[in-house]
Amino acid sequence: MNAISSPCIKVCVIDPASKLCQGCGRTLQEIAQWSRLSEAERLVMMATLEERLSLPRDGQAPRRSA
């Protein structure tokens, strides 16, 4: 069995303002659907996560640099 690609870094905290996981950048809905997505769909979504996490939120500095 092949392992499912995942951006999870075991820092599972949902930011109340952005509704994104502070560890991986996914929404709760995306996390819940993850195992049902195709590998191609997961890779497309993973390509956007770093950018999501680098965007400033509510006047705060970005968590990661782009």
Protein backbone atom coordinates (compact mmCIF):
# COMPACT_ATOMS: atom_id res chain seq x y z
CA MET A 1 0.00 0.00 0.00
CA ASN A 2 1.32 3.44 -0.93
CA ALA A 3 1.47 6.22 1.63
CA ILE A 4 -0.86 9.17 1.05
CA SER A 5 0.95 12.46 0.42
CA SER A 6 0.19 14.86 3.24
CA PRO A 7 1.35 18.32 4.31
CA CYS A 8 0.62 17.52 7.97
CA ILE A 9 3.47 18.43 10.33
CA LYS A 10 1.58 17.40 13.51
CA VAL A 11 0.87 21.02 14.52
CA CYS A 12 -2.92 20.77 14.40
CA VAL A 13 -4.21 24.16 15.53
CA ILE A 14 -6.98 25.93 13.60
CA ASP A 15 -6.55 29.70 13.46
CA PRO A 16 -9.92 31.23 14.43
CA ALA A 17 -9.58 34.17 12.02
CA SER A 18 -8.36 32.42 8.87
CA LYS A 19 -9.91 29.00 9.62
CA LEU A 20 -6.63 27.42 8.44
CA CYS A 21 -4.53 24.87 10.27
CA GLN A 22 -1.46 26.72 11.52
CA GLY A 23 0.69 23.67 10.80
CA CYS A 24 -0.30 22.73 7.25
CA GLY A 25 -2.53 25.53 5.95
CA ARG A 26 -5.57 23.37 5.17
CA THR A 27 -9.14 24.08 6.24
CA LEU A 28 -11.04 21.59 8.39
CA GLN A 29 -13.08 20.60 5.33
CA GLU A 30 -9.92 19.94 3.31
CA ILE A 31 -8.46 17.88 6.15
CA ALA A 32 -11.67 15.83 6.40
CA GLN A 33 -11.74 15.18 2.63
CA TRP A 34 -8.02 14.46 2.30
CA SER A 35 -8.16 10.66 2.17
CA ARG A 36 -10.91 10.76 -0.48
CA LEU A 37 -8.93 13.00 -2.86
CA SER A 38 -6.87 11.55 -5.67
CA GLU A 39 -3.09 11.87 -5.44
CA ALA A 40 -3.21 14.47 -8.22
CA GLU A 41 -5.80 16.53 -6.31
CA ARG A 42 -3.71 16.35 -3.14
CA LEU A 43 -0.58 17.51 -4.97
CA VAL A 44 -2.42 20.46 -6.54
CA MET A 45 -3.73 21.53 -3.14
CA MET A 46 -0.34 21.05 -1.47
CA ALA A 47 1.19 23.41 -4.03
CA THR A 48 -0.99 26.24 -2.67
CA LEU A 49 -0.48 25.72 1.06
CA GLU A 50 2.85 27.49 1.52
CA GLU A 51 1.41 30.60 -0.12
CA ARG A 52 -1.67 30.46 2.12
CA LEU A 53 0.48 30.32 5.22
CA SER A 54 2.67 33.20 4.01
CA LEU A 55 -0.24 35.64 3.62
CA PRO A 56 -0.63 38.19 6.43
CA ARG A 57 -3.76 37.67 8.54
CA ASP A 58 -5.63 40.45 10.32
CA GLY A 59 -2.62 42.74 10.58
CA GLN A 60 -0.33 39.96 11.80
CA ALA A 61 2.98 39.14 10.19
CA PRO A 62 3.01 36.01 8.03
CA ARG A 63 3.91 32.80 9.85
CA ARG A 64 6.25 31.61 7.11
CA SER A 65 8.30 33.52 4.58
CA ALA A 66 7.53 32.95 0.90
